Amino acid sequence: MTIEVVASVDTVERFRAAVDARDLAALDDLFTDDVRLYSPVKFTPFEGKAMVMGLFGVLLRTFEDFRYVGEYSGAAQTSAEGVTLPSAVLVFRATVGGKEIHGIDLLHFEEGGRIKEFTVMVRPRSAVEALGEAVLKGLVAEGLA
């Protein structure tokens, strides 16, 4: 096992614990300054730690009964640079606006183990729409949109 994979495993454990605890301060240490988050409700990514942390604040308040139900690890190509990095897929379930969501978080890790790129995919379409409405409302309330 390489150093990058060990660091990535540690980051995944810390990330899941921070999300479970709804602990934004713990999440802040896990992202690179230039992190990109690809959302199912926005065509262009959220860029930079400040924006991604603002989004996470909204998400942690928006999701109801959020829980991770599975995990896979390996390597995958990033969207931005097209380079292959250590990666993890976290499978989750949640509810937003009465709609049940089934989704995955795809995390890409830089050499030090921090999260460089983050992609969220959810289904079904009605849940994507409910999520988009709730997140936009939260971002506007926070002055981020």
C-alpha atoms as a PDB file:
ATOM      1  CA  MET A   1       0.000   0.000   0.000  1.00  0.00           C
ATOM      2  CA  THR A   2       1.422   3.381  -0.982  1.00  0.00           C
ATOM      3  CA  ILE A   3       1.588   6.444   1.242  1.00  0.00           C
ATOM      4  CA  GLU A   4      -1.115   8.142  -0.878  1.00  0.00           C
ATOM      5  CA  VAL A   5      -3.568   5.272  -0.348  1.00  0.00           C
ATOM      6  CA  VAL A   6      -2.930   5.227   3.420  1.00  0.00           C
ATOM      7  CA  ALA A   7      -3.458   8.995   3.579  1.00  0.00           C
ATOM      8  CA  SER A   8      -6.624   8.636   1.494  1.00  0.00           C
ATOM      9  CA  VAL A   9      -8.044   5.952   3.801  1.00  0.00           C
ATOM     10  CA  ASP A  10      -7.394   8.224   6.787  1.00  0.00           C
ATOM     11  CA  THR A  11      -9.048  11.136   4.975  1.00  0.00           C
ATOM     12  CA  VAL A  12     -12.135   9.038   4.146  1.00  0.00           C
ATOM     13  CA  GLU A  13     -12.502   7.983   7.783  1.00  0.00           C
ATOM     14  CA  ARG A  14     -12.092  11.566   8.989  1.00  0.00           C
ATOM     15  CA  PHE A  15     -14.483  12.856   6.307  1.00  0.00           C
ATOM     16  CA  ARG A  16     -17.210  10.356   7.217  1.00  0.00           C
ATOM     17  CA  ALA A  17     -16.811  11.138  10.932  1.00  0.00           C
ATOM     18  CA  ALA A  18     -17.039  14.895  10.259  1.00  0.00           C
ATOM     19  CA  VAL A  19     -20.166  14.496   8.116  1.00  0.00           C
ATOM     20  CA  ASP A  20     -21.771  12.195  10.704  1.00  0.00           C
ATOM     21  CA  ALA A  21     -21.048  14.786  13.409  1.00  0.00           C
ATOM     22  CA  ARG A  22     -22.031  17.725  11.128  1.00  0.00           C
ATOM     23  CA  ASP A  23     -18.636  19.219  12.042  1.00  0.00           C
ATOM     24  CA  LEU A  24     -17.648  21.915   9.518  1.00  0.00           C
ATOM     25  CA  ALA A  25     -14.377  22.723  11.312  1.00  0.00           C
ATOM     26  CA  ALA A  26     -13.222  19.108  10.919  1.00  0.00           C
ATOM     27  CA  LEU A  27     -14.198  19.156   7.220  1.00  0.00           C
ATOM     28  CA  ASP A  28     -12.173  22.312   6.569  1.00  0.00           C
ATOM     29  CA  ASP A  29      -8.863  20.512   7.174  1.00  0.00           C
ATOM     30  CA  LEU A  30      -9.696  17.809   4.633  1.00  0.00           C
ATOM     31  CA  PHE A  31      -9.939  19.939   1.465  1.00  0.00           C
ATOM     32  CA  THR A  32      -7.190  21.478  -0.650  1.00  0.00           C
ATOM     33  CA  ASP A  33      -7.392  25.261  -1.067  1.00  0.00           C
ATOM     34  CA  ASP A  34      -8.245  24.791  -4.770  1.00  0.00           C
ATOM     35  CA  VAL A  35     -10.821  22.004  -4.286  1.00  0.00           C
ATOM     36  CA  ARG A  36     -13.540  21.648  -6.921  1.00  0.00           C
ATOM     37  CA  LEU A  37     -16.976  20.223  -6.188  1.00  0.00           C
ATOM     38  CA  TYR A  38     -19.121  18.996  -9.068  1.00  0.00           C
ATOM     39  CA  SER A  39     -22.802  19.067  -8.143  1.00  0.00           C
ATOM     40  CA  PRO A  40     -25.776  17.362  -9.811  1.00  0.00           C
ATOM     41  CA  VAL A  41     -27.663  20.666  -9.740  1.00  0.00           C
ATOM     42  CA  LYS A  42     -25.065  23.017 -11.274  1.00  0.00           C
ATOM     43  CA  PHE A  43     -23.241  22.676 -14.593  1.00  0.00           C
ATOM     44  CA  THR A  44     -19.986  24.337 -13.502  1.00  0.00           C
ATOM     45  CA  PRO A  45     -18.140  23.246 -10.367  1.00  0.00           C
ATOM     46  CA  PHE A  46     -18.040  25.058  -7.046  1.00  0.00           C
ATOM     47  CA  GLU A  47     -14.396  26.171  -6.821  1.00  0.00           C
ATOM     48  CA  GLY A  48     -12.130  26.915  -3.876  1.00  0.00           C
ATOM     49  CA  LYS A  49     -12.256  25.909  -0.251  1.00  0.00           C
ATOM     50  CA  ALA A  50     -14.335  28.906   0.892  1.00  0.00           C
ATOM     51  CA  MET A  51     -17.116  28.182  -1.611  1.00  0.00           C
ATOM     52  CA  VAL A  52     -17.069  24.421  -1.013  1.00  0.00           C
ATOM     53  CA  MET A  53     -17.191  24.936   2.753  1.00  0.00           C
ATOM     54  CA  GLY A  54     -20.126  27.321   2.334  1.00  0.00           C
ATOM     55  CA  LEU A  55     -21.891  24.703   0.240  1.00  0.00           C
ATOM     56  CA  PHE A  56     -21.224  22.009   2.847  1.00  0.00           C
ATOM     57  CA  GLY A  57     -22.747  24.230   5.513  1.00  0.00           C
ATOM     58  CA  VAL A  58     -25.913  24.405   3.411  1.00  0.00           C
ATOM     59  CA  LEU A  59     -25.869  20.674   2.618  1.00  0.00           C
ATOM     60  CA  LEU A  60     -25.461  19.620   6.232  1.00  0.00           C
ATOM     61  CA  ARG A  61     -28.559  21.666   7.094  1.00  0.00           C
ATOM     62  CA  THR A  62     -30.516  20.516   4.014  1.00  0.00           C
ATOM     63  CA  PHE A  63     -30.131  16.736   4.120  1.00  0.00           C
ATOM     64  CA  GLU A  64     -32.399  14.846   6.503  1.00  0.00           C
ATOM     65  CA  ASP A  65     -31.443  11.389   7.780  1.00  0.00           C
ATOM     66  CA  PHE A  66     -28.153  11.492   5.827  1.00  0.00           C
ATOM     67  CA  ARG A  67     -26.109   8.299   6.152  1.00  0.00           C
ATOM     68  CA  TYR A  68     -23.319   6.555   4.281  1.00  0.00           C
ATOM     69  CA  VAL A  69     -24.233   2.966   3.428  1.00  0.00           C
ATOM     70  CA  GLY A  70     -21.204   1.783   1.436  1.00  0.00           C
ATOM     71  CA  GLU A  71     -17.670   2.567   0.350  1.00  0.00           C
ATOM     72  CA  TYR A  72     -15.320   1.641  -2.495  1.00  0.00           C
ATOM     73  CA  SER A  73     -11.723   2.738  -3.070  1.00  0.00           C
ATOM     74  CA  GLY A  74      -9.276   2.700  -5.941  1.00  0.00           C
ATOM     75  CA  ALA A  75      -8.146   5.250  -8.502  1.00  0.00           C
ATOM     76  CA  ALA A  76     -10.011   7.367 -11.042  1.00  0.00           C
ATOM     77  CA  GLN A  77      -9.378  10.171 -13.491  1.00  0.00           C
ATOM     78  CA  THR A  78     -10.260  13.689 -12.325  1.00  0.00           C
ATOM     79  CA  SER A  79     -12.592  15.917 -14.313  1.00  0.00           C
ATOM     80  CA  ALA A  80     -10.448  19.048 -14.147  1.00  0.00           C
ATOM     81  CA  GLU A  81      -6.929  17.888 -14.988  1.00  0.00           C
ATOM     82  CA  GLY A  82      -7.679  14.417 -16.338  1.00  0.00           C
ATOM     83  CA  VAL A  83      -5.031  12.808 -14.112  1.00  0.00           C
ATOM     84  CA  THR A  84      -5.560   9.560 -12.246  1.00  0.00           C
ATOM     85  CA  LEU A  85      -5.545   9.972  -8.462  1.00  0.00           C
ATOM     86  CA  PRO A  86      -6.367   7.779  -5.466  1.00  0.00           C
ATOM     87  CA  SER A  87     -10.141   7.931  -5.100  1.00  0.00           C
ATOM     88  CA  ALA A  88     -13.038   6.727  -2.996  1.00  0.00           C
ATOM     89  CA  VAL A  89     -16.745   6.342  -3.689  1.00  0.00           C
ATOM     90  CA  LEU A  90     -19.073   6.760  -0.722  1.00  0.00           C
ATOM     91  CA  VAL A  91     -22.639   5.521  -1.227  1.00  0.00           C
ATOM     92  CA  PHE A  92     -25.299   7.455   0.690  1.00  0.00           C
ATOM     93  CA  ARG A  93     -29.007   7.707   1.405  1.00  0.00           C
ATOM     94  CA  ALA A  94     -30.849  10.816   2.593  1.00  0.00           C
ATOM     95  CA  THR A  95     -34.115  12.714   2.371  1.00  0.00           C
ATOM     96  CA  VAL A  96     -34.662  16.275   1.082  1.00  0.00           C
ATOM     97  CA  GLY A  97     -38.055  17.909   0.992  1.00  0.00           C
ATOM     98  CA  GLY A  98     -39.767  14.571   1.521  1.00  0.00           C
ATOM     99  CA  LYS A  99     -37.906  12.979  -1.409  1.00  0.00           C
ATOM    100  CA  GLU A 100     -35.684   9.980  -0.772  1.00  0.00           C
ATOM    101  CA  ILE A 101     -32.249  10.316  -2.336  1.00  0.00           C
ATOM    102  CA  HIS A 102     -29.825   7.595  -3.354  1.00  0.00           C
ATOM    103  CA  GLY A 103     -26.397   8.932  -4.252  1.00  0.00           C
ATOM    104  CA  ILE A 104     -22.647   8.695  -4.325  1.00  0.00           C
ATOM    105  CA  ASP A 105     -19.795  11.009  -3.421  1.00  0.00           C
ATOM    106  CA  LEU A 106     -16.671  10.523  -5.564  1.00  0.00           C
ATOM    107  CA  LEU A 107     -13.584  11.873  -3.796  1.00  0.00           C
ATOM    108  CA  HIS A 108     -10.178  12.361  -5.463  1.00  0.00           C
ATOM    109  CA  PHE A 109      -7.130  12.831  -3.208  1.00  0.00           C
ATOM    110  CA  GLU A 110      -3.997  14.865  -3.806  1.00  0.00           C
ATOM    111  CA  GLU A 111      -0.562  13.572  -2.824  1.00  0.00           C
ATOM    112  CA  GLY A 112      -0.904  14.644   0.824  1.00  0.00           C
ATOM    113  CA  GLY A 113      -4.236  12.856   1.166  1.00  0.00           C
ATOM    114  CA  ARG A 114      -6.497  15.919   1.151  1.00  0.00           C
ATOM    115  CA  ILE A 115      -9.586  16.044  -1.083  1.00  0.00           C
ATOM    116  CA  LYS A 116      -8.796  17.818  -4.369  1.00  0.00           C
ATOM    117  CA  GLU A 117     -11.953  17.033  -6.324  1.00  0.00           C
ATOM    118  CA  PHE A 118     -15.407  15.999  -5.149  1.00  0.00           C
ATOM    119  CA  THR A 119     -18.294  14.859  -7.366  1.00  0.00           C
ATOM    120  CA  VAL A 120     -21.824  14.240  -6.125  1.00  0.00           C
ATOM    121  CA  MET A 121     -24.311  12.140  -8.113  1.00  0.00           C
ATOM    122  CA  VAL A 122     -27.888  11.523  -6.995  1.00  0.00           C
ATOM    123  CA  ARG A 123     -31.073   9.891  -8.203  1.00  0.00           C
ATOM    124  CA  PRO A 124     -33.989   9.910  -8.913  1.00  0.00           C
ATOM    125  CA  ARG A 125     -34.683  13.040 -10.921  1.00  0.00           C
ATOM    126  CA  SER A 126     -37.401  14.254  -8.526  1.00  0.00           C
ATOM    127  CA  ALA A 127     -34.846  14.115  -5.697  1.00  0.00           C
ATOM    128  CA  VAL A 128     -32.303  16.044  -7.792  1.00  0.00           C
ATOM    129  CA  GLU A 129     -34.909  18.761  -8.346  1.00  0.00           C
ATOM    130  CA  ALA A 130     -35.824  18.902  -4.636  1.00  0.00           C
ATOM    131  CA  LEU A 131     -32.131  19.037  -3.722  1.00  0.00           C
ATOM    132  CA  GLY A 132     -31.451  21.793  -6.259  1.00  0.00           C
ATOM    133  CA  GLU A 133     -34.277  23.956  -4.922  1.00  0.00           C
ATOM    134  CA  ALA A 134     -33.237  23.472  -1.282  1.00  0.00           C
ATOM    135  CA  VAL A 135     -29.535  24.103  -1.949  1.00  0.00           C
ATOM    136  CA  LEU A 136     -30.216  27.234  -4.012  1.00  0.00           C
ATOM    137  CA  LYS A 137     -32.431  28.606  -1.244  1.00  0.00           C
ATOM    138  CA  GLY A 138     -29.660  27.892   1.308  1.00  0.00           C
ATOM    139  CA  LEU A 139     -26.915  29.428  -0.861  1.00  0.00           C
ATOM    140  CA  VAL A 140     -28.988  32.579  -1.394  1.00  0.00           C
ATOM    141  CA  ALA A 141     -29.662  32.819   2.362  1.00  0.00           C
ATOM    142  CA  GLU A 142     -25.893  32.541   3.001  1.00  0.00           C
ATOM    143  CA  GLY A 143     -25.062  35.144   0.334  1.00  0.00           C
ATOM    144  CA  LEU A 144     -23.215  32.565  -1.781  1.00  0.00           C
ATOM    145  CA  ALA A 145     -25.493  32.731  -4.846  1.00  0.00           C
END
